[in-house]
Amino acid sequence: QVQVVESGGGLVQPGGSLRLSCEASGGTFSMNVMGWYRQAPGKQREVVAVITSGGSPVYADSMKGRFTISRDNAKNTVYLQMNSLKPEDTAVYYCKAQRGIGFTAYWGQGTQVTVSS
């Protein structure tokens, strides 16, 4: 049974930083595509950044330059370094892991990020 577990959320002041982590475990295959998504109250879930096992990251335009996604293939773990956080970054951040595009997507339970003074 695959489990996806996020950690690292919390309360931070505007301009601050947070680092999220996500580990996918329990599978017999590598999660070649892993990514971060977020959902703010009253809004649809949106993509933040996605990275493949080859290390090619893709970012949503509004996150470019502030967020950095990285991964440890051996641990099926993905990270999201978030800098220069803004109040509008407040959301529940979810991790998604897949063997590849088109394969079953496994989601974590989400971690709350709140940016407020």
C-alpha atoms as a PDB file:
ATOM      1  CA  GLN A   1       0.000   0.000   0.000  1.00  0.00           C
ATOM      2  CA  VAL A   2       1.519   3.277  -1.123  1.00  0.00           C
ATOM      3  CA  GLN A   3       1.593   6.067   1.424  1.00  0.00           C
ATOM      4  CA  VAL A   4       2.416   9.685   0.706  1.00  0.00           C
ATOM      5  CA  VAL A   5       3.229  11.831   3.706  1.00  0.00           C
ATOM      6  CA  GLU A   6       3.937  15.557   3.709  1.00  0.00           C
ATOM      7  CA  SER A   7       5.595  17.559   6.459  1.00  0.00           C
ATOM      8  CA  GLY A   8       7.032  20.998   7.101  1.00  0.00           C
ATOM      9  CA  GLY A   9       4.018  23.282   6.948  1.00  0.00           C
ATOM     10  CA  GLY A  10       3.278  25.947   9.510  1.00  0.00           C
ATOM     11  CA  LEU A  11       2.814  29.634  10.201  1.00  0.00           C
ATOM     12  CA  VAL A  12       5.319  32.078   8.744  1.00  0.00           C
ATOM     13  CA  GLN A  13       5.462  35.834   8.370  1.00  0.00           C
ATOM     14  CA  PRO A  14       5.346  37.489   4.940  1.00  0.00           C
ATOM     15  CA  GLY A  15       8.785  37.386   3.366  1.00  0.00           C
ATOM     16  CA  GLY A  16       9.718  34.274   5.307  1.00  0.00           C
ATOM     17  CA  SER A  17      10.647  30.787   4.148  1.00  0.00           C
ATOM     18  CA  LEU A  18       9.467  27.232   4.643  1.00  0.00           C
ATOM     19  CA  ARG A  19      10.673  23.868   3.383  1.00  0.00           C
ATOM     20  CA  LEU A  20       8.142  21.135   2.728  1.00  0.00           C
ATOM     21  CA  SER A  21       9.022  17.461   2.472  1.00  0.00           C
ATOM     22  CA  CYS A  22       7.096  14.548   1.027  1.00  0.00           C
ATOM     23  CA  GLU A  23       7.956  10.868   1.114  1.00  0.00           C
ATOM     24  CA  ALA A  24       6.225   8.160  -0.889  1.00  0.00           C
ATOM     25  CA  SER A  25       6.644   4.708   0.591  1.00  0.00           C
ATOM     26  CA  GLY A  26       5.191   1.238   0.371  1.00  0.00           C
ATOM     27  CA  GLY A  27       5.403   0.806  -3.395  1.00  0.00           C
ATOM     28  CA  THR A  28       7.479  -1.646  -5.374  1.00  0.00           C
ATOM     29  CA  PHE A  29       8.383   0.906  -8.028  1.00  0.00           C
ATOM     30  CA  SER A  30       9.961   4.314  -8.197  1.00  0.00           C
ATOM     31  CA  MET A  31       7.779   7.391  -8.217  1.00  0.00           C
ATOM     32  CA  ASN A  32       9.228   8.960 -11.314  1.00  0.00           C
ATOM     33  CA  VAL A  33       6.912  11.946 -11.260  1.00  0.00           C
ATOM     34  CA  MET A  34       6.355  13.836  -8.026  1.00  0.00           C
ATOM     35  CA  GLY A  35       4.888  17.243  -7.481  1.00  0.00           C
ATOM     36  CA  TRP A  36       3.365  19.801  -5.213  1.00  0.00           C
ATOM     37  CA  TYR A  37      -0.119  21.248  -5.516  1.00  0.00           C
ATOM     38  CA  ARG A  38      -2.011  23.664  -3.317  1.00  0.00           C
ATOM     39  CA  GLN A  39      -5.576  24.570  -2.526  1.00  0.00           C
ATOM     40  CA  ALA A  40      -6.622  27.817  -0.890  1.00  0.00           C
ATOM     41  CA  PRO A  41     -10.029  28.215   0.777  1.00  0.00           C
ATOM     42  CA  GLY A  42     -12.746  28.582  -1.820  1.00  0.00           C
ATOM     43  CA  LYS A  43     -10.383  27.913  -4.708  1.00  0.00           C
ATOM     44  CA  GLN A  44      -9.548  24.962  -6.907  1.00  0.00           C
ATOM     45  CA  ARG A  45      -6.420  22.916  -6.386  1.00  0.00           C
ATOM     46  CA  GLU A  46      -3.575  24.210  -8.537  1.00  0.00           C
ATOM     47  CA  VAL A  47      -0.169  22.941  -9.502  1.00  0.00           C
ATOM     48  CA  VAL A  48       2.847  24.474  -7.800  1.00  0.00           C
ATOM     49  CA  ALA A  49       5.741  22.484  -9.236  1.00  0.00           C
ATOM     50  CA  VAL A  50       6.462  19.042 -10.639  1.00  0.00           C
ATOM     51  CA  ILE A  51       9.734  17.187 -11.017  1.00  0.00           C
ATOM     52  CA  THR A  52      10.718  13.938 -12.724  1.00  0.00           C
ATOM     53  CA  SER A  53      13.260  11.382 -11.593  1.00  0.00           C
ATOM     54  CA  GLY A  54      15.551  12.859 -14.242  1.00  0.00           C
ATOM     55  CA  GLY A  55      15.454  16.122 -12.328  1.00  0.00           C
ATOM     56  CA  SER A  56      13.529  18.293 -14.770  1.00  0.00           C
ATOM     57  CA  PRO A  57      11.365  20.739 -12.787  1.00  0.00           C
ATOM     58  CA  VAL A  58       8.316  22.574 -14.052  1.00  0.00           C
ATOM     59  CA  TYR A  59       6.850  25.498 -12.113  1.00  0.00           C
ATOM     60  CA  ALA A  60       3.644  27.445 -12.191  1.00  0.00           C
ATOM     61  CA  ASP A  61       4.405  30.953 -13.410  1.00  0.00           C
ATOM     62  CA  SER A  62       3.517  32.635 -10.115  1.00  0.00           C
ATOM     63  CA  MET A  63       6.011  30.449  -8.213  1.00  0.00           C
ATOM     64  CA  LYS A  64       9.007  30.848 -10.511  1.00  0.00           C
ATOM     65  CA  GLY A  65      11.939  32.466  -8.757  1.00  0.00           C
ATOM     66  CA  ARG A  66      10.491  31.992  -5.268  1.00  0.00           C
ATOM     67  CA  PHE A  67       9.937  28.247  -5.001  1.00  0.00           C
ATOM     68  CA  THR A  68      12.416  25.467  -5.716  1.00  0.00           C
ATOM     69  CA  ILE A  69      11.465  21.814  -6.067  1.00  0.00           C
ATOM     70  CA  SER A  70      14.031  19.061  -5.637  1.00  0.00           C
ATOM     71  CA  ARG A  71      14.033  15.342  -4.988  1.00  0.00           C
ATOM     72  CA  ASP A  72      15.960  12.410  -3.608  1.00  0.00           C
ATOM     73  CA  ASN A  73      15.285   9.520  -5.969  1.00  0.00           C
ATOM     74  CA  ALA A  74      16.686   6.891  -3.631  1.00  0.00           C
ATOM     75  CA  LYS A  75      14.172   7.914  -0.959  1.00  0.00           C
ATOM     76  CA  ASN A  76      11.203   8.672  -3.233  1.00  0.00           C
ATOM     77  CA  THR A  77      11.176  12.033  -1.504  1.00  0.00           C
ATOM     78  CA  VAL A  78      10.447  15.465  -2.918  1.00  0.00           C
ATOM     79  CA  TYR A  79      11.076  18.834  -1.332  1.00  0.00           C
ATOM     80  CA  LEU A  80       9.686  22.311  -1.867  1.00  0.00           C
ATOM     81  CA  GLN A  81      11.756  25.262  -0.712  1.00  0.00           C
ATOM     82  CA  MET A  82       9.522  28.316  -0.497  1.00  0.00           C
ATOM     83  CA  ASN A  83      11.080  31.759  -0.143  1.00  0.00           C
ATOM     84  CA  SER A  84       9.668  35.282  -0.090  1.00  0.00           C
ATOM     85  CA  LEU A  85       6.319  33.928   0.996  1.00  0.00           C
ATOM     86  CA  LYS A  86       3.231  36.077   0.527  1.00  0.00           C
ATOM     87  CA  PRO A  87      -0.171  35.959   2.234  1.00  0.00           C
ATOM     88  CA  GLU A  88      -1.638  34.671  -1.023  1.00  0.00           C
ATOM     89  CA  ASP A  89       0.561  31.582  -0.701  1.00  0.00           C
ATOM     90  CA  THR A  90      -1.618  30.516   2.228  1.00  0.00           C
ATOM     91  CA  ALA A  91      -3.118  27.138   1.352  1.00  0.00           C
ATOM     92  CA  VAL A  92      -3.054  23.441   2.040  1.00  0.00           C
ATOM     93  CA  TYR A  93      -0.118  22.008   0.119  1.00  0.00           C
ATOM     94  CA  TYR A  94      -0.492  18.500  -1.261  1.00  0.00           C
ATOM     95  CA  CYS A  95       2.081  16.105  -2.634  1.00  0.00           C
ATOM     96  CA  LYS A  96       1.313  13.830  -5.563  1.00  0.00           C
ATOM     97  CA  ALA A  97       3.392  10.852  -6.597  1.00  0.00           C
ATOM     98  CA  GLN A  98       3.132   8.739  -9.749  1.00  0.00           C
ATOM     99  CA  ARG A  99       5.107   6.001 -11.393  1.00  0.00           C
ATOM    100  CA  GLY A 100       4.711   8.038 -14.569  1.00  0.00           C
ATOM    101  CA  ILE A 101       2.274  10.210 -16.474  1.00  0.00           C
ATOM    102  CA  GLY A 102      -0.974   8.319 -16.867  1.00  0.00           C
ATOM    103  CA  PHE A 103      -0.313   5.955 -13.971  1.00  0.00           C
ATOM    104  CA  THR A 104      -2.227   5.961 -10.694  1.00  0.00           C
ATOM    105  CA  ALA A 105      -1.715   9.149  -8.717  1.00  0.00           C
ATOM    106  CA  TYR A 106      -1.129   8.889  -5.000  1.00  0.00           C
ATOM    107  CA  TRP A 107      -1.902  11.941  -2.873  1.00  0.00           C
ATOM    108  CA  GLY A 108      -0.833  12.922   0.595  1.00  0.00           C
ATOM    109  CA  GLN A 109      -3.166  14.287   3.239  1.00  0.00           C
ATOM    110  CA  GLY A 110      -1.835  17.823   2.848  1.00  0.00           C
ATOM    111  CA  THR A 111       0.065  20.225   5.060  1.00  0.00           C
ATOM    112  CA  GLN A 112      -1.181  23.690   5.988  1.00  0.00           C
ATOM    113  CA  VAL A 113       0.936  26.712   5.113  1.00  0.00           C
ATOM    114  CA  THR A 114      -0.207  30.020   6.563  1.00  0.00           C
ATOM    115  CA  VAL A 115       1.530  33.272   5.704  1.00  0.00           C
ATOM    116  CA  SER A 116       0.456  36.014   8.054  1.00  0.00           C
ATOM    117  CA  SER A 117       1.847  38.711  10.298  1.00  0.00           C
END
